[in-house]
Amino acid sequence: MNSPDAIPSATVILPYVLREKAGNHKSIVVDGSTIREIIDALDHDYPGLGFNLCYETGELRPYVNIFLNRENIRFLQGLETPVQMGATIRILQSVAGGCSRYHDGDTDRASPVPTNFAICCWRLFLIP
């Protein structure tokens, strides 16, 4: 039985680009009462990982999105959002890019990334 003072543990699901910094783990169970504590624990266990998520000032980087049980923490209490025992936290870094280039004979053209690409990525991460 959990005591009221027990520190909750949550499963943190990492994006592919951060897995190398975390021992190639897809997910990690981490203890913390808030999202900030979870990030601190990740940085303690995997030094430098926190730098990819937050500025030196401690604020979340603008291209990082963190979801607590499918809710974006930016619309909750930010890094001070409380974490319940058994929560699932998904870290997503923004997908950015311009276009890919291809050559079709005499012309070199830019091919924009399909508009549904971002939608597919969000579904991949948010829908089990």
Foldseek 3Di string as FASTA:
>chain_A
DDDPPDFAKEKEAEDQVCCVLVVNDRIDIATHFFQLRRLVRSCVNRPPSSVVQAPPVSAGDPQKWKAKLNHTCVVPVHRRHTHHHHIYIYIDGHDDDAFDWDDDPPDIDTDGDDPCPVVVVCCVRRPD
